[in-house]
C-alpha cells in the first residue's frame, strides 16, 4: 500500500506549496491584485523595514509609531514586497517580526478602514492580506513574532502567521475584531485555531480577551516570556532564542521548515512524498557529507 501511495502523482496542493509565491486568490475568485494595489497606494504613512544579518536571521520592523505601528495601505504593499524579498533570500534561516518604539501593531490604520467602506472593499483587502500572510507563513524561514507593547486586531493576526511568539513582560495580544463589528480577516482566526484549539479560540475571539504574557503562555499562544521590556535588550533576547533553532546550514534549516509546512497543510501521502523529495536535495550534499565525516571522527575517540 505504501509503495502505491508513493507512486501516486503529487496533488495540486503539493505543487502550489512547492512553487514559492503562488497566491491563494486570483481572478477566478474575483480578485484583481493590481487594482487593490492602486487603492492601497492612496493611503500613505509609515514603512515596513527589513534588515538581513549575515547570521541568516532577518528583522522585519513595522514602523509607524505615531499610530502604534498601524498598517497604512502603503505598509501593506511594503509587507508584500518584503515577503517576496525573504522568499528570495537563499541565505536566510529565520526572521523576527517586531514593531518600532517598543510596541507591536494596532492593526489597520483607521483612515484606510473608513475609506474602504463597502463589502467589496473589505473582501478585496481580506484577500490581499490573506495572500501576503499565507506567503509569509510558508516562507522557508523559522519565524518569530516579538510582541513588545500591544498587538491588537490585525497586529494580533500577524502574530499567528509566525511559527513562534515571544512576549515581553508588559506586553499583550488582543483580538478586538468583535468590538469593531467584524471578524478576523487576515487569516488570524484559522491560524489561531491551529495554535490554541477551537474552544480556546472561541473564548479569545468571542471575549476579545486581553492576553497578557502569563495568560498567553498558559493557553499556548506564547512560547516564552522574555526577561526584559527594554526595546534593544528584548530584540537581543529574541535573536538568541531563535538562534538555537537555526544553527546549521541554510539549506538544511529551510528544508526542515518546508517539511513542517507540508506536514501541516497536506494529506499524509502528499506530505510524505514532499519529505522524500526534500531529502533528495540534501542527501549526499556538502552538509550531509561533512556531518558524516565529523561523526566518523567522534566514533574514533
Protein backbone atom coordinates (compact mmCIF):
# COMPACT_ATOMS: atom_id res chain seq x y z
CA UNK A 1 0.00 0.00 0.00
CA UNK A 2 2.78 2.42 0.93
CA UNK A 3 4.58 1.86 -2.38
CA UNK A 4 1.33 2.50 -4.25
CA UNK A 5 0.84 5.80 -2.43
CA UNK A 6 4.38 6.90 -3.20
CA UNK A 7 3.80 6.26 -6.92
CA UNK A 8 0.70 8.46 -6.99
CA UNK A 9 1.11 11.84 -8.71
CA UNK A 10 1.61 14.88 -6.49
CA UNK A 11 -1.60 16.73 -5.74
CA UNK A 12 -2.26 20.22 -7.00
CA UNK A 13 -1.98 21.40 -3.40
CA UNK A 14 1.55 19.99 -3.15
CA UNK A 15 2.50 21.70 -6.38
CA UNK A 16 1.22 25.01 -5.02
CA UNK A 17 3.25 24.61 -1.83
CA UNK A 18 6.41 23.92 -3.82
CA UNK A 19 6.06 26.94 -6.05
CA UNK A 20 7.05 29.81 -3.79
CA UNK A 21 4.92 32.91 -4.15
CA UNK A 22 1.72 31.46 -5.60
CA UNK A 23 -1.28 33.35 -4.16
CA UNK A 24 -4.40 31.88 -2.61
CA UNK A 25 -6.64 34.11 -4.70
CA UNK A 26 -6.64 35.14 -8.35
CA UNK A 27 -9.07 36.50 -10.93
CA UNK A 28 -11.15 33.30 -10.77
CA UNK A 29 -12.09 34.39 -7.23
CA UNK A 30 -12.95 37.91 -8.37
CA UNK A 31 -9.62 39.14 -7.03
CA UNK A 32 -7.67 41.70 -9.06
CA UNK A 33 -4.42 42.38 -7.27
CA UNK A 34 -3.24 45.33 -9.35
CA UNK A 35 -6.49 47.17 -8.66
CA UNK A 36 -6.13 46.51 -4.93
CA UNK A 37 -2.56 47.78 -5.02
CA UNK A 38 -3.66 51.03 -6.67
CA UNK A 39 -6.26 51.51 -3.96
CA UNK A 40 -3.83 50.83 -1.11
CA UNK A 41 -1.32 53.26 -2.60
CA UNK A 42 -3.77 56.05 -1.76
CA UNK A 43 -3.15 55.59 1.98
CA UNK A 44 0.45 56.56 2.80
CA UNK A 45 2.26 56.57 6.12
CA UNK A 46 4.88 54.52 7.91
CA UNK A 47 7.06 51.81 6.45
CA UNK A 48 7.95 48.13 6.74
CA UNK A 49 11.70 47.73 7.06
CA UNK A 50 13.84 44.62 6.62
CA UNK A 51 17.31 44.09 8.00
CA UNK A 52 19.12 40.92 6.89
CA UNK A 53 22.04 39.79 9.02
CA UNK A 54 24.96 37.59 7.97
CA UNK A 55 23.82 35.13 10.65
CA UNK A 56 20.84 34.30 8.43
CA UNK A 57 18.34 35.98 10.79
CA UNK A 58 16.31 38.87 9.41
CA UNK A 59 14.42 41.50 11.39
CA UNK A 60 11.17 42.79 9.88
CA UNK A 61 10.09 46.03 11.57
CA UNK A 62 6.66 47.67 11.39
CA UNK A 63 7.49 51.36 11.55
CA UNK A 64 4.57 53.72 12.09
CA UNK A 65 4.98 54.62 15.78
CA UNK A 66 2.74 57.71 15.76
CA UNK A 67 -0.18 55.31 15.13
CA UNK A 68 1.06 52.38 17.24
CA UNK A 69 2.50 50.85 14.07
CA UNK A 70 -0.92 50.52 12.45
CA UNK A 71 -0.81 49.30 8.86
CA UNK A 72 -1.36 52.02 6.30
CA UNK A 73 -2.16 50.97 2.75
CA UNK A 74 1.44 51.62 1.70
CA UNK A 75 2.69 49.47 4.60
CA UNK A 76 0.52 46.59 3.41
CA UNK A 77 2.13 46.90 -0.02
CA UNK A 78 5.59 47.07 1.53
CA UNK A 79 4.88 43.99 3.64
CA UNK A 80 4.22 42.04 0.45
CA UNK A 81 7.44 43.40 -1.07
CA UNK A 82 9.44 42.30 1.99
CA UNK A 83 7.86 38.85 1.95
CA UNK A 84 8.91 38.46 -1.67
CA UNK A 85 12.43 39.60 -0.72
CA UNK A 86 12.52 36.99 2.05
CA UNK A 87 11.30 34.31 -0.36
CA UNK A 88 14.36 35.01 -2.49
CA UNK A 89 16.87 35.26 0.41
CA UNK A 90 18.59 31.91 -0.07
CA UNK A 91 21.00 32.53 2.84
CA UNK A 92 18.12 33.20 5.22
CA UNK A 93 17.21 30.84 8.04
CA UNK A 94 14.98 32.85 10.35
CA UNK A 95 13.08 36.11 10.71
CA UNK A 96 11.88 38.16 13.69
CA UNK A 97 8.81 40.39 13.27
CA UNK A 98 8.57 43.37 15.60
CA UNK A 99 7.20 46.89 15.88
CA UNK A 100 9.15 50.12 16.23
CA UNK A 101 9.30 52.08 19.52
CA UNK A 102 8.51 49.13 21.76
CA UNK A 103 5.01 48.31 20.54
CA UNK A 104 3.97 45.65 18.03
CA UNK A 105 0.98 46.84 15.97
CA UNK A 106 -2.55 48.12 16.46
CA UNK A 107 -3.76 46.57 13.20
CA UNK A 108 -5.18 48.56 10.28
CA UNK A 109 -4.96 52.33 10.05
CA UNK A 110 -8.50 53.59 10.66
CA UNK A 111 -8.16 56.15 7.85
CA UNK A 112 -7.97 53.30 5.35
CA UNK A 113 -10.69 51.32 7.11
CA UNK A 114 -13.12 54.26 6.97
CA UNK A 115 -12.43 54.90 3.28
CA UNK A 116 -12.76 51.23 2.28
CA UNK A 117 -16.34 51.05 3.44
CA UNK A 118 -18.11 48.64 1.07
CA UNK A 119 -18.27 44.85 1.44
CA UNK A 120 -16.39 44.57 -1.85
CA UNK A 121 -13.59 46.77 -0.48
CA UNK A 122 -13.39 44.70 2.69
CA UNK A 123 -13.23 41.40 0.80
CA UNK A 124 -10.56 42.71 -1.57
CA UNK A 125 -8.41 43.83 1.38
CA UNK A 126 -9.06 40.50 3.08
CA UNK A 127 -7.82 38.56 0.03
CA UNK A 128 -4.75 40.78 -0.33
CA UNK A 129 -3.67 40.30 3.29
CA UNK A 130 -4.53 36.60 3.33
CA UNK A 131 -2.36 36.16 0.23
CA UNK A 132 0.50 38.06 1.84
CA UNK A 133 0.40 36.38 5.24
CA UNK A 134 -0.03 32.91 3.77
CA UNK A 135 3.11 33.50 1.72
CA UNK A 136 4.80 34.69 4.91
CA UNK A 137 3.69 31.58 6.81
CA UNK A 138 5.09 29.36 4.05
CA UNK A 139 8.49 31.06 3.99
CA UNK A 140 11.33 28.54 4.33
CA UNK A 141 12.44 30.54 7.38
CA UNK A 142 11.64 29.92 11.04
CA UNK A 143 9.67 32.98 12.11
CA UNK A 144 9.18 34.63 15.49
CA UNK A 145 6.81 37.41 16.49
CA UNK A 146 8.46 39.58 19.11
CA UNK A 147 5.50 41.12 20.93
CA UNK A 148 6.56 44.30 22.67
CA UNK A 149 3.75 46.52 23.93
CA UNK A 150 0.41 45.80 22.29
CA UNK A 151 -0.59 43.56 19.39
CA UNK A 152 -4.20 44.44 18.59
CA UNK A 153 -6.60 43.43 15.82
CA UNK A 154 -4.62 42.88 12.65
CA UNK A 155 -1.46 43.07 14.75
CA UNK A 156 -2.69 40.07 16.75
CA UNK A 157 -3.45 38.29 13.47
CA UNK A 158 0.09 38.91 12.25
CA UNK A 159 1.49 37.15 15.32
CA UNK A 160 -0.40 34.00 14.31
CA UNK A 161 1.38 33.97 10.94
CA UNK A 162 4.67 33.38 12.78
CA UNK A 163 5.92 29.99 13.92
CA UNK A 164 6.57 31.27 17.46
CA UNK A 165 5.52 34.17 19.66
CA UNK A 166 7.77 35.72 22.31
CA UNK A 167 6.30 38.31 24.67
CA UNK A 168 7.97 40.94 26.82
CA UNK A 169 6.76 41.17 30.45
CA UNK A 170 4.35 44.09 29.94
CA UNK A 171 3.01 43.18 26.50
CA UNK A 172 -0.43 41.98 25.41
CA UNK A 173 -2.17 40.32 22.47
CA UNK A 174 -5.83 41.09 21.89
CA UNK A 175 -8.20 40.24 19.04
CA UNK A 176 -10.52 43.23 19.19
CA UNK A 177 -12.39 42.49 15.96
CA UNK A 178 -15.74 41.75 17.62
CA UNK A 179 -15.72 45.21 19.14
CA UNK A 180 -15.24 46.65 15.64
CA UNK A 181 -18.26 44.71 14.34
CA UNK A 182 -16.21 42.30 12.22
CA UNK A 183 -14.23 39.06 12.49
CA UNK A 184 -10.51 38.47 11.84
CA UNK A 185 -9.97 38.66 8.08
CA UNK A 186 -6.22 38.25 7.55
CA UNK A 187 -6.38 34.52 8.31
CA UNK A 188 -6.00 35.08 12.04
CA UNK A 189 -8.96 33.01 13.21
CA UNK A 190 -7.99 29.96 11.16
CA UNK A 191 -4.39 30.11 12.33
CA UNK A 192 -5.42 30.78 15.94
CA UNK A 193 -7.37 27.52 15.97
CA UNK A 194 -4.22 25.66 14.89
CA UNK A 195 -2.26 27.29 17.72
CA UNK A 196 -4.61 27.06 20.72
CA UNK A 197 -7.55 24.89 19.60
CA UNK A 198 -11.11 25.77 18.65
CA UNK A 199 -12.60 26.17 22.13
CA UNK A 200 -9.85 28.45 23.39
CA UNK A 201 -10.02 30.38 20.10
CA UNK A 202 -13.75 30.96 20.60
CA UNK A 203 -13.09 32.31 24.08
CA UNK A 204 -10.25 34.56 22.92
CA UNK A 205 -12.21 35.91 19.93
CA UNK A 206 -15.68 35.97 21.49
CA UNK A 207 -14.47 37.61 24.68
CA UNK A 208 -11.98 39.91 22.94
CA UNK A 209 -9.74 38.72 25.76
CA UNK A 210 -6.63 40.61 26.74
CA UNK A 211 -3.84 38.04 26.67
CA UNK A 212 -1.07 39.16 28.97
CA UNK A 213 2.16 37.10 28.82
CA UNK A 214 1.16 34.73 31.62
CA UNK A 215 -2.27 34.00 30.15
CA UNK A 216 -0.87 33.69 26.62
CA UNK A 217 1.77 31.24 27.83
CA UNK A 218 -0.77 29.14 29.73
CA UNK A 219 -3.02 28.61 26.68
CA UNK A 220 -0.17 28.05 24.22
CA UNK A 221 -0.40 31.40 22.46
CA UNK A 222 3.04 32.48 23.65
CA UNK A 223 6.12 30.29 23.59
CA UNK A 224 8.21 32.21 26.10
CA UNK A 225 8.15 35.34 28.24
CA UNK A 226 11.32 37.33 27.82
CA UNK A 227 13.19 38.87 30.73
CA UNK A 228 13.40 42.45 29.52
CA UNK A 229 10.87 45.04 28.33
CA UNK A 230 13.67 47.24 27.02
CA UNK A 231 13.37 47.56 23.25
CA UNK A 232 17.00 46.81 22.41
CA UNK A 233 17.52 44.09 25.02
CA UNK A 234 14.34 42.24 24.08
CA UNK A 235 15.42 42.15 20.44
CA UNK A 236 18.75 40.67 21.54
CA UNK A 237 16.90 38.09 23.65
CA UNK A 238 14.70 37.16 20.70
CA UNK A 239 17.73 36.77 18.44
CA UNK A 240 19.42 34.49 20.96
CA UNK A 241 16.22 32.45 21.39
CA UNK A 242 15.79 31.98 17.65
CA UNK A 243 19.49 31.22 17.09
CA UNK A 244 19.17 27.88 18.91
CA UNK A 245 16.76 26.65 16.23
CA UNK A 246 18.53 27.98 13.13
CA UNK A 247 22.05 26.85 13.96
CA UNK A 248 23.15 24.97 10.86
CA UNK A 249 23.43 25.25 7.09
CA UNK A 250 20.68 27.34 5.45
CA UNK A 251 19.70 24.57 3.05
CA UNK A 252 19.01 22.21 5.97
CA UNK A 253 17.02 24.72 8.06
CA UNK A 254 15.00 25.78 5.02
CA UNK A 255 14.22 22.16 4.10
CA UNK A 256 13.12 21.48 7.69
CA UNK A 257 10.68 24.39 7.58
CA UNK A 258 9.33 23.30 4.20
CA UNK A 259 8.84 19.79 5.53
CA UNK A 260 6.89 21.04 8.55
CA UNK A 261 4.73 23.28 6.33
CA UNK A 262 3.86 20.39 4.04
CA UNK A 263 3.12 18.14 7.01
CA UNK A 264 0.72 20.76 8.36
CA UNK A 265 -1.06 21.59 5.11
CA UNK A 266 -1.06 18.40 3.03
CA UNK A 267 -2.63 14.98 3.17
CA UNK A 268 -0.24 12.45 4.68
CA UNK A 269 0.73 10.71 1.44
CA UNK A 270 1.46 14.04 -0.26
CA UNK A 271 3.46 15.25 2.74
CA UNK A 272 5.49 12.03 2.70
CA UNK A 273 6.33 12.49 -0.97
CA UNK A 274 7.35 16.07 -0.34
CA UNK A 275 9.53 14.98 2.58
CA UNK A 276 11.18 12.38 0.34
CA UNK A 277 11.94 14.94 -2.34
CA UNK A 278 13.30 17.46 0.15
CA UNK A 279 15.60 14.76 1.49
CA UNK A 280 16.82 14.25 -2.06
CA UNK A 281 18.08 17.82 -2.13
CA UNK A 282 20.21 17.20 0.99
CA UNK A 283 21.36 13.56 0.94
CA UNK A 284 24.92 13.38 -0.32
CA UNK A 285 25.22 17.16 -0.21
CA UNK A 286 28.01 19.12 1.42
CA UNK A 287 26.32 19.48 4.82
CA UNK A 288 25.45 15.77 4.92
CA UNK A 289 28.94 14.58 3.94
CA UNK A 290 30.62 16.95 6.40
CA UNK A 291 28.35 15.71 9.21
CA UNK A 292 29.18 12.10 8.39
CA UNK A 293 32.89 12.90 8.42
CA UNK A 294 32.57 14.60 11.82
CA UNK A 295 30.59 11.67 13.19
CA UNK A 296 33.29 9.30 11.99
CA UNK A 297 35.90 11.29 13.91
CA UNK A 298 33.79 11.17 17.08
CA UNK A 299 33.46 7.37 16.81
CA UNK A 300 37.25 7.05 16.77
CA UNK A 301 37.67 8.95 20.04
